[in-house]
Amino acid sequence: LEDCETVYTLKSERHYNSGERRILKDKWDNCVKELLENDEYKALVEEYINCKYFLANYDYNYKQSDNFMVQHWVMNEASDCHNKLEK
């Protein structure tokens, strides 16, 4: 699992050439697959991936709507995600 964290950190830093990035992506995909096969981590990982996706699209989701309620919901979801990802 520590290895997966390292892979994730490296994957997040964008200063790698495309060959190295592909290797890291494959390693990360394997990590995710392993974690999803482990019941203990499955829910956590799915939530984590959803949060990452949500945060990556945060600006887009927020700007998509002029509706205050929707923006408020987006902000709440994002802060929940931040809290989960810090654990």
N, C-alpha and C. Protein backbone atom coordinates (compact mmCIF):
# COMPACT_ATOMS: atom_id res chain seq x y z
N LEU A 1 0.82 -1.22 0.00
CA LEU A 1 0.00 0.00 0.00
C LEU A 1 0.85 1.27 0.00
N GLU A 2 1.94 1.27 0.77
CA GLU A 2 2.83 2.44 0.77
C GLU A 2 3.32 2.70 -0.64
N ASP A 3 3.60 1.60 -1.33
CA ASP A 3 4.07 1.70 -2.71
C ASP A 3 3.04 2.43 -3.57
N CYS A 4 1.78 2.11 -3.35
CA CYS A 4 0.71 2.76 -4.12
C CYS A 4 0.69 4.26 -3.84
N GLU A 5 0.92 4.61 -2.59
CA GLU A 5 0.93 6.03 -2.24
C GLU A 5 2.06 6.75 -2.97
N THR A 6 3.22 6.09 -3.02
CA THR A 6 4.36 6.66 -3.74
C THR A 6 4.03 6.84 -5.21
N VAL A 7 3.46 5.79 -5.79
CA VAL A 7 3.10 5.84 -7.21
C VAL A 7 2.13 6.99 -7.45
N TYR A 8 1.16 7.12 -6.54
CA TYR A 8 0.17 8.19 -6.70
C TYR A 8 0.84 9.56 -6.64
N THR A 9 1.72 9.73 -5.67
CA THR A 9 2.42 11.01 -5.52
C THR A 9 3.23 11.32 -6.77
N LEU A 10 3.98 10.33 -7.25
CA LEU A 10 4.79 10.53 -8.44
C LEU A 10 3.92 10.85 -9.64
N LYS A 11 2.79 10.14 -9.73
CA LYS A 11 1.88 10.33 -10.85
C LYS A 11 1.33 11.77 -10.84
N SER A 12 1.17 12.31 -9.64
CA SER A 12 0.59 13.65 -9.51
C SER A 12 1.58 14.74 -9.91
N GLU A 13 2.87 14.44 -9.81
CA GLU A 13 3.88 15.42 -10.21
C GLU A 13 4.07 15.26 -11.72
N ARG A 14 3.93 16.34 -12.43
CA ARG A 14 3.83 16.22 -13.89
C ARG A 14 5.16 16.37 -14.63
N HIS A 15 6.28 16.19 -13.95
CA HIS A 15 7.55 16.46 -14.63
C HIS A 15 8.20 15.21 -15.23
N TYR A 16 7.39 14.22 -15.56
CA TYR A 16 7.95 12.99 -16.13
C TYR A 16 7.75 12.95 -17.63
N ASN A 17 8.67 12.25 -18.31
CA ASN A 17 8.48 12.09 -19.75
C ASN A 17 7.36 11.07 -20.01
N SER A 18 6.91 11.00 -21.23
CA SER A 18 5.71 10.20 -21.51
C SER A 18 5.92 8.71 -21.22
N GLY A 19 7.14 8.21 -21.43
CA GLY A 19 7.41 6.81 -21.12
C GLY A 19 7.25 6.52 -19.65
N GLU A 20 7.85 7.37 -18.82
CA GLU A 20 7.76 7.20 -17.37
C GLU A 20 6.32 7.36 -16.90
N ARG A 21 5.62 8.32 -17.51
CA ARG A 21 4.22 8.55 -17.13
C ARG A 21 3.37 7.31 -17.41
N ARG A 22 3.64 6.67 -18.55
CA ARG A 22 2.87 5.47 -18.92
C ARG A 22 3.12 4.36 -17.90
N ILE A 23 4.40 4.20 -17.50
CA ILE A 23 4.75 3.17 -16.51
C ILE A 23 4.03 3.46 -15.19
N LEU A 24 4.07 4.73 -14.77
CA LEU A 24 3.40 5.11 -13.52
C LEU A 24 1.90 4.88 -13.61
N LYS A 25 1.34 5.19 -14.76
CA LYS A 25 -0.11 5.00 -14.93
C LYS A 25 -0.46 3.52 -14.82
N ASP A 26 0.35 2.67 -15.44
CA ASP A 26 0.11 1.23 -15.35
C ASP A 26 0.22 0.75 -13.90
N LYS A 27 1.26 1.24 -13.21
CA LYS A 27 1.44 0.86 -11.81
C LYS A 27 0.24 1.31 -10.98
N TRP A 28 -0.21 2.54 -11.24
CA TRP A 28 -1.36 3.08 -10.50
C TRP A 28 -2.60 2.26 -10.78
N ASP A 29 -2.83 1.91 -12.06
CA ASP A 29 -3.99 1.09 -12.41
C ASP A 29 -3.95 -0.25 -11.67
N ASN A 30 -2.75 -0.82 -11.56
CA ASN A 30 -2.60 -2.08 -10.82
C ASN A 30 -2.91 -1.88 -9.34
N CYS A 31 -2.45 -0.78 -8.79
CA CYS A 31 -2.73 -0.46 -7.39
C CYS A 31 -4.23 -0.39 -7.16
N VAL A 32 -4.90 0.33 -8.03
CA VAL A 32 -6.34 0.50 -7.89
C VAL A 32 -7.03 -0.86 -7.98
N LYS A 33 -6.58 -1.66 -8.94
CA LYS A 33 -7.18 -2.99 -9.13
C LYS A 33 -7.01 -3.83 -7.86
N GLU A 34 -5.79 -3.82 -7.31
CA GLU A 34 -5.51 -4.58 -6.09
C GLU A 34 -6.39 -4.10 -4.94
N LEU A 35 -6.49 -2.80 -4.80
CA LEU A 35 -7.27 -2.24 -3.70
C LEU A 35 -8.75 -2.54 -3.87
N LEU A 36 -9.23 -2.52 -5.11
CA LEU A 36 -10.65 -2.79 -5.34
C LEU A 36 -10.98 -4.26 -5.07
N GLU A 37 -9.96 -5.12 -5.15
CA GLU A 37 -10.19 -6.54 -4.86
C GLU A 37 -10.21 -6.80 -3.36
N ASN A 38 -9.73 -5.84 -2.59
CA ASN A 38 -9.69 -5.96 -1.14
C ASN A 38 -10.94 -5.28 -0.56
N ASP A 39 -11.84 -6.08 0.00
CA ASP A 39 -13.12 -5.54 0.48
C ASP A 39 -12.95 -4.39 1.46
N GLU A 40 -11.91 -4.51 2.28
CA GLU A 40 -11.68 -3.49 3.30
C GLU A 40 -11.46 -2.11 2.67
N TYR A 41 -10.80 -2.11 1.50
CA TYR A 41 -10.45 -0.84 0.88
C TYR A 41 -11.39 -0.42 -0.24
N LYS A 42 -12.18 -1.37 -0.73
CA LYS A 42 -12.99 -1.13 -1.93
C LYS A 42 -13.81 0.16 -1.84
N ALA A 43 -14.61 0.27 -0.77
CA ALA A 43 -15.48 1.44 -0.63
C ALA A 43 -14.66 2.71 -0.53
N LEU A 44 -13.58 2.63 0.25
CA LEU A 44 -12.69 3.78 0.42
C LEU A 44 -12.13 4.25 -0.92
N VAL A 45 -11.65 3.29 -1.69
CA VAL A 45 -11.01 3.62 -2.97
C VAL A 45 -12.02 4.23 -3.92
N GLU A 46 -13.21 3.63 -3.98
CA GLU A 46 -14.23 4.16 -4.88
C GLU A 46 -14.59 5.59 -4.50
N GLU A 47 -14.70 5.81 -3.20
CA GLU A 47 -15.03 7.15 -2.71
C GLU A 47 -13.90 8.12 -3.06
N TYR A 48 -12.67 7.64 -2.86
CA TYR A 48 -11.48 8.44 -3.11
C TYR A 48 -11.41 8.84 -4.58
N ILE A 49 -11.64 7.85 -5.46
CA ILE A 49 -11.59 8.12 -6.90
C ILE A 49 -12.69 9.11 -7.28
N ASN A 50 -13.88 8.91 -6.74
CA ASN A 50 -14.98 9.84 -7.02
C ASN A 50 -14.64 11.24 -6.54
N CYS A 51 -14.03 11.33 -5.37
CA CYS A 51 -13.64 12.64 -4.84
C CYS A 51 -12.59 13.30 -5.72
N LYS A 52 -11.61 12.53 -6.12
CA LYS A 52 -10.56 13.09 -6.98
C LYS A 52 -11.18 13.64 -8.26
N TYR A 53 -12.09 12.86 -8.82
CA TYR A 53 -12.75 13.26 -10.06
C TYR A 53 -13.56 14.53 -9.81
N PHE A 54 -14.27 14.52 -8.70
CA PHE A 54 -15.12 15.66 -8.36
C PHE A 54 -14.27 16.93 -8.19
N LEU A 55 -13.17 16.81 -7.46
CA LEU A 55 -12.33 17.98 -7.22
C LEU A 55 -11.65 18.45 -8.50
N ALA A 56 -11.30 17.50 -9.36
CA ALA A 56 -10.67 17.86 -10.63
C ALA A 56 -11.63 18.68 -11.48
N ASN A 57 -12.92 18.40 -11.32
CA ASN A 57 -13.93 19.10 -12.12
C ASN A 57 -14.65 20.19 -11.33
N TYR A 58 -14.07 20.53 -10.19
CA TYR A 58 -14.73 21.46 -9.28
C TYR A 58 -15.08 22.79 -9.95
N ASP A 59 -14.09 23.41 -10.58
CA ASP A 59 -14.33 24.72 -11.21
C ASP A 59 -15.43 24.63 -12.24
N TYR A 60 -15.35 23.57 -13.02
CA TYR A 60 -16.34 23.38 -14.08
C TYR A 60 -17.73 23.23 -13.47
N ASN A 61 -17.85 22.37 -12.46
CA ASN A 61 -19.15 22.15 -11.81
C ASN A 61 -19.69 23.44 -11.21
N TYR A 62 -18.78 24.19 -10.62
CA TYR A 62 -19.20 25.42 -9.94
C TYR A 62 -19.67 26.46 -10.95
N LYS A 63 -18.90 26.62 -12.03
CA LYS A 63 -19.22 27.66 -13.02
C LYS A 63 -20.38 27.27 -13.92
N GLN A 64 -20.71 25.98 -13.93
CA GLN A 64 -21.80 25.50 -14.77
C GLN A 64 -23.13 26.10 -14.34
N SER A 65 -23.21 26.52 -13.11
CA SER A 65 -24.51 26.91 -12.58
C SER A 65 -24.50 28.32 -12.02
N ASP A 66 -25.57 29.06 -12.31
CA ASP A 66 -25.74 30.38 -11.70
C ASP A 66 -26.57 30.24 -10.43
N ASN A 67 -27.05 29.03 -10.21
CA ASN A 67 -27.95 28.79 -9.10
C ASN A 67 -27.16 28.70 -7.79
N PHE A 68 -27.49 29.57 -6.86
CA PHE A 68 -26.78 29.63 -5.58
C PHE A 68 -26.83 28.28 -4.85
N MET A 69 -27.99 27.62 -4.87
CA MET A 69 -28.14 26.34 -4.17
C MET A 69 -27.19 25.28 -4.74
N VAL A 70 -27.10 25.25 -6.05
CA VAL A 70 -26.22 24.26 -6.69
C VAL A 70 -24.77 24.57 -6.35
N GLN A 71 -24.39 25.84 -6.41
CA GLN A 71 -23.02 26.23 -6.07
C GLN A 71 -22.70 25.85 -4.62
N HIS A 72 -23.67 26.05 -3.76
CA HIS A 72 -23.51 25.73 -2.34
C HIS A 72 -23.28 24.23 -2.18
N TRP A 73 -24.06 23.43 -2.89
CA TRP A 73 -23.92 21.97 -2.85
C TRP A 73 -22.53 21.56 -3.34
N VAL A 74 -22.09 22.16 -4.43
CA VAL A 74 -20.77 21.85 -4.99
C VAL A 74 -19.69 22.16 -3.96
N MET A 75 -19.82 23.30 -3.29
CA MET A 75 -18.82 23.67 -2.28
C MET A 75 -18.82 22.67 -1.12
N ASN A 76 -20.01 22.27 -0.68
CA ASN A 76 -20.09 21.30 0.42
C ASN A 76 -19.48 19.96 0.04
N GLU A 77 -19.81 19.50 -1.16
CA GLU A 77 -19.25 18.23 -1.64
C GLU A 77 -17.73 18.32 -1.66
N ALA A 78 -17.22 19.43 -2.15
CA ALA A 78 -15.77 19.60 -2.27
C ALA A 78 -15.12 19.59 -0.89
N SER A 79 -15.73 20.24 0.08
CA SER A 79 -15.08 20.27 1.39
C SER A 79 -15.16 18.89 2.04
N ASP A 80 -16.26 18.16 1.83
CA ASP A 80 -16.32 16.77 2.31
C ASP A 80 -15.19 15.96 1.70
N CYS A 81 -14.99 16.14 0.41
CA CYS A 81 -13.94 15.41 -0.29
C CYS A 81 -12.57 15.74 0.27
N HIS A 82 -12.31 17.01 0.48
CA HIS A 82 -11.01 17.42 1.03
C HIS A 82 -10.78 16.73 2.37
N ASN A 83 -11.82 16.71 3.20
CA ASN A 83 -11.68 16.09 4.52
C ASN A 83 -11.40 14.60 4.40
N LYS A 84 -12.10 13.93 3.49
CA LYS A 84 -11.89 12.48 3.31
C LYS A 84 -10.48 12.20 2.80
N LEU A 85 -10.03 13.01 1.86
CA LEU A 85 -8.73 12.75 1.24
C LEU A 85 -7.59 13.00 2.22
N GLU A 86 -7.83 13.82 3.23
CA GLU A 86 -6.77 14.10 4.20
C GLU A 86 -6.60 12.97 5.21
N LYS A 87 -7.59 12.09 5.32
CA LYS A 87 -7.52 10.99 6.30
C LYS A 87 -6.53 9.94 5.87
